[in-house]
């Protein structure tokens, strides 16, 4: 699915490692000089280690954090915490299979990759 809106965004994840720093996911519309902090569905304090955008659907975005993996289906407007085998899993990278992006892998610092999950399986868990 191509980006039919014609609007492109840049996403940046930050980690608040020093007092007073702001951590989270920020989005900027290409051509703008303003950054927007994305909050809906995300914890108040979030250290983001990874952001991965679906290769054919730019509205589908994954983020890895100290609180585990999150997903947005609407270009970052809202987020949901993904159910994952290890509750509290710190996610440092999220990769998608090059021929089947429904297969994602998340890795944490100790092991890589630590979990493979098919996107259709994530969607049906609740």
C-alpha atoms as a PDB file:
ATOM      1  CA  UNK A   1       0.000   0.000   0.000  1.00  0.00           C
ATOM      2  CA  UNK A   2       1.605   3.237  -1.078  1.00  0.00           C
ATOM      3  CA  UNK A   3       1.454   6.513   0.806  1.00  0.00           C
ATOM      4  CA  UNK A   4      -1.514   8.008  -1.042  1.00  0.00           C
ATOM      5  CA  UNK A   5      -1.829  11.045   1.236  1.00  0.00           C
ATOM      6  CA  UNK A   6       1.302  12.586  -0.233  1.00  0.00           C
ATOM      7  CA  UNK A   7       2.404  13.531   3.284  1.00  0.00           C
ATOM      8  CA  UNK A   8       5.707  12.171   4.529  1.00  0.00           C
ATOM      9  CA  UNK A   9       6.929  12.136   8.096  1.00  0.00           C
ATOM     10  CA  UNK A  10      10.190  11.719   9.936  1.00  0.00           C
ATOM     11  CA  UNK A  11      10.042   9.844  13.262  1.00  0.00           C
ATOM     12  CA  UNK A  12      12.647  10.122  16.011  1.00  0.00           C
ATOM     13  CA  UNK A  13      12.827   8.209  19.266  1.00  0.00           C
ATOM     14  CA  UNK A  14      14.654   9.601  22.265  1.00  0.00           C
ATOM     15  CA  UNK A  15      15.611   8.347  25.708  1.00  0.00           C
ATOM     16  CA  UNK A  16      15.559  10.652  28.729  1.00  0.00           C
ATOM     17  CA  UNK A  17      18.815   9.546  30.346  1.00  0.00           C
ATOM     18  CA  UNK A  18      19.476  12.773  32.254  1.00  0.00           C
ATOM     19  CA  UNK A  19      17.142  14.717  34.583  1.00  0.00           C
ATOM     20  CA  UNK A  20      14.946  17.163  32.714  1.00  0.00           C
ATOM     21  CA  UNK A  21      15.443  15.499  29.327  1.00  0.00           C
ATOM     22  CA  UNK A  22      12.400  14.610  27.245  1.00  0.00           C
ATOM     23  CA  UNK A  23      12.054  11.016  26.034  1.00  0.00           C
ATOM     24  CA  UNK A  24       9.498   9.609  23.642  1.00  0.00           C
ATOM     25  CA  UNK A  25       8.545   9.522  19.981  1.00  0.00           C
ATOM     26  CA  UNK A  26       8.576  12.691  17.930  1.00  0.00           C
ATOM     27  CA  UNK A  27       7.165  13.236  14.436  1.00  0.00           C
ATOM     28  CA  UNK A  28       7.897  15.938  11.909  1.00  0.00           C
ATOM     29  CA  UNK A  29       6.109  16.478   8.621  1.00  0.00           C
ATOM     30  CA  UNK A  30       8.668  16.738   5.833  1.00  0.00           C
ATOM     31  CA  UNK A  31       9.103  20.408   4.958  1.00  0.00           C
ATOM     32  CA  UNK A  32       8.070  21.608   8.419  1.00  0.00           C
ATOM     33  CA  UNK A  33      10.376  22.872  11.145  1.00  0.00           C
ATOM     34  CA  UNK A  34       8.088  21.731  13.994  1.00  0.00           C
ATOM     35  CA  UNK A  35       8.394  18.479  15.956  1.00  0.00           C
ATOM     36  CA  UNK A  36       5.352  16.917  17.594  1.00  0.00           C
ATOM     37  CA  UNK A  37       5.617  14.692  20.695  1.00  0.00           C
ATOM     38  CA  UNK A  38       3.368  11.651  20.157  1.00  0.00           C
ATOM     39  CA  UNK A  39       1.653  10.609  23.403  1.00  0.00           C
ATOM     40  CA  UNK A  40      -1.695   8.870  22.922  1.00  0.00           C
ATOM     41  CA  UNK A  41      -1.394   5.318  24.273  1.00  0.00           C
ATOM     42  CA  UNK A  42       2.263   5.677  25.293  1.00  0.00           C
ATOM     43  CA  UNK A  43       3.588   5.806  28.866  1.00  0.00           C
ATOM     44  CA  UNK A  44       4.483   9.203  30.293  1.00  0.00           C
ATOM     45  CA  UNK A  45       8.149   8.208  30.498  1.00  0.00           C
ATOM     46  CA  UNK A  46       9.359   6.306  27.463  1.00  0.00           C
ATOM     47  CA  UNK A  47      12.913   5.601  26.358  1.00  0.00           C
ATOM     48  CA  UNK A  48      12.734   4.682  22.683  1.00  0.00           C
ATOM     49  CA  UNK A  49      15.439   2.414  21.314  1.00  0.00           C
ATOM     50  CA  UNK A  50      13.891   1.463  17.947  1.00  0.00           C
ATOM     51  CA  UNK A  51      11.383   2.701  15.388  1.00  0.00           C
ATOM     52  CA  UNK A  52      10.428   0.606  12.369  1.00  0.00           C
ATOM     53  CA  UNK A  53       7.971   1.650   9.650  1.00  0.00           C
ATOM     54  CA  UNK A  54       6.189  -0.962   7.546  1.00  0.00           C
ATOM     55  CA  UNK A  55       7.758  -1.005   4.053  1.00  0.00           C
ATOM     56  CA  UNK A  56       4.477  -0.639   2.130  1.00  0.00           C
ATOM     57  CA  UNK A  57       2.110   0.882   4.720  1.00  0.00           C
ATOM     58  CA  UNK A  58       3.594   4.045   6.273  1.00  0.00           C
ATOM     59  CA  UNK A  59       0.711   4.287   8.737  1.00  0.00           C
ATOM     60  CA  UNK A  60       1.927   1.089  10.468  1.00  0.00           C
ATOM     61  CA  UNK A  61       4.793   1.904  12.841  1.00  0.00           C
ATOM     62  CA  UNK A  62       6.502  -0.142  15.552  1.00  0.00           C
ATOM     63  CA  UNK A  63       8.499   1.230  18.476  1.00  0.00           C
ATOM     64  CA  UNK A  64      10.768  -0.594  20.896  1.00  0.00           C
ATOM     65  CA  UNK A  65      11.256   0.797  24.379  1.00  0.00           C
ATOM     66  CA  UNK A  66      12.238  -0.032  27.952  1.00  0.00           C
ATOM     67  CA  UNK A  67       8.545  -0.943  28.414  1.00  0.00           C
ATOM     68  CA  UNK A  68       8.392  -3.390  25.488  1.00  0.00           C
ATOM     69  CA  UNK A  69       7.033  -3.039  21.953  1.00  0.00           C
ATOM     70  CA  UNK A  70       4.308  -0.648  20.787  1.00  0.00           C
ATOM     71  CA  UNK A  71       2.421  -0.314  17.491  1.00  0.00           C
ATOM     72  CA  UNK A  72       0.613   2.515  15.752  1.00  0.00           C
ATOM     73  CA  UNK A  73      -1.796   1.795  12.908  1.00  0.00           C
ATOM     74  CA  UNK A  74      -2.525   5.442  12.153  1.00  0.00           C
ATOM     75  CA  UNK A  75       0.826   7.058  11.478  1.00  0.00           C
ATOM     76  CA  UNK A  76       1.608   7.714  15.134  1.00  0.00           C
ATOM     77  CA  UNK A  77      -1.648   9.387  16.169  1.00  0.00           C
ATOM     78  CA  UNK A  78      -2.297   6.606  18.707  1.00  0.00           C
ATOM     79  CA  UNK A  79      -0.293   3.649  20.040  1.00  0.00           C
ATOM     80  CA  UNK A  80      -0.998   0.296  21.637  1.00  0.00           C
ATOM     81  CA  UNK A  81       1.288  -1.872  23.731  1.00  0.00           C
ATOM     82  CA  UNK A  82       1.775  -5.202  22.030  1.00  0.00           C
ATOM     83  CA  UNK A  83       1.237  -8.437  23.893  1.00  0.00           C
ATOM     84  CA  UNK A  84       4.599 -10.180  23.909  1.00  0.00           C
ATOM     85  CA  UNK A  85       5.815 -13.453  25.391  1.00  0.00           C
ATOM     86  CA  UNK A  86       8.021 -11.721  27.994  1.00  0.00           C
ATOM     87  CA  UNK A  87       6.112  -9.022  29.890  1.00  0.00           C
ATOM     88  CA  UNK A  88       8.408  -6.085  30.548  1.00  0.00           C
ATOM     89  CA  UNK A  89      10.695  -7.028  27.658  1.00  0.00           C
ATOM     90  CA  UNK A  90      13.083  -4.198  26.859  1.00  0.00           C
ATOM     91  CA  UNK A  91      13.165  -3.938  23.060  1.00  0.00           C
ATOM     92  CA  UNK A  92      16.253  -2.516  21.358  1.00  0.00           C
ATOM     93  CA  UNK A  93      15.504  -3.398  17.744  1.00  0.00           C
ATOM     94  CA  UNK A  94      12.535  -4.368  15.599  1.00  0.00           C
ATOM     95  CA  UNK A  95      13.070  -5.926  12.190  1.00  0.00           C
ATOM     96  CA  UNK A  96      10.687  -7.042   9.460  1.00  0.00           C
ATOM     97  CA  UNK A  97      11.176  -9.983   7.138  1.00  0.00           C
ATOM     98  CA  UNK A  98      12.115  -8.526   3.717  1.00  0.00           C
ATOM     99  CA  UNK A  99       9.637 -10.704   1.768  1.00  0.00           C
ATOM    100  CA  UNK A 100       6.858 -10.947   4.378  1.00  0.00           C
ATOM    101  CA  UNK A 101       6.638  -7.849   6.615  1.00  0.00           C
ATOM    102  CA  UNK A 102       3.906  -9.567   8.664  1.00  0.00           C
ATOM    103  CA  UNK A 103       6.795 -11.436  10.299  1.00  0.00           C
ATOM    104  CA  UNK A 104       8.596  -9.216  12.765  1.00  0.00           C
ATOM    105  CA  UNK A 105      11.499  -9.838  15.096  1.00  0.00           C
ATOM    106  CA  UNK A 106      12.225  -7.963  18.292  1.00  0.00           C
ATOM    107  CA  UNK A 107      15.567  -8.114  20.058  1.00  0.00           C
ATOM    108  CA  UNK A 108      16.766  -7.078  23.477  1.00  0.00           C
ATOM    109  CA  UNK A 109      20.334  -6.280  24.543  1.00  0.00           C
ATOM    110  CA  UNK A 110      21.175  -9.731  25.948  1.00  0.00           C
ATOM    111  CA  UNK A 111      20.047 -11.801  22.976  1.00  0.00           C
ATOM    112  CA  UNK A 112      19.419 -11.130  19.330  1.00  0.00           C
ATOM    113  CA  UNK A 113      16.859 -11.921  18.107  1.00  0.00           C
ATOM    114  CA  UNK A 114      14.893 -12.911  21.174  1.00  0.00           C
ATOM    115  CA  UNK A 115      11.422 -13.338  19.744  1.00  0.00           C
ATOM    116  CA  UNK A 116       9.812 -13.846  16.349  1.00  0.00           C
ATOM    117  CA  UNK A 117       6.129 -13.036  16.044  1.00  0.00           C
ATOM    118  CA  UNK A 118       3.871 -13.091  12.995  1.00  0.00           C
ATOM    119  CA  UNK A 119       1.935  -9.816  12.763  1.00  0.00           C
ATOM    120  CA  UNK A 120      -1.348 -11.638  12.197  1.00  0.00           C
ATOM    121  CA  UNK A 121      -0.787 -13.456  15.509  1.00  0.00           C
ATOM    122  CA  UNK A 122      -0.137 -10.209  17.369  1.00  0.00           C
ATOM    123  CA  UNK A 123      -3.339  -8.724  15.969  1.00  0.00           C
ATOM    124  CA  UNK A 124      -5.503 -11.569  17.243  1.00  0.00           C
ATOM    125  CA  UNK A 125      -4.095 -11.706  20.799  1.00  0.00           C
ATOM    126  CA  UNK A 126      -5.905  -9.788  23.494  1.00  0.00           C
END
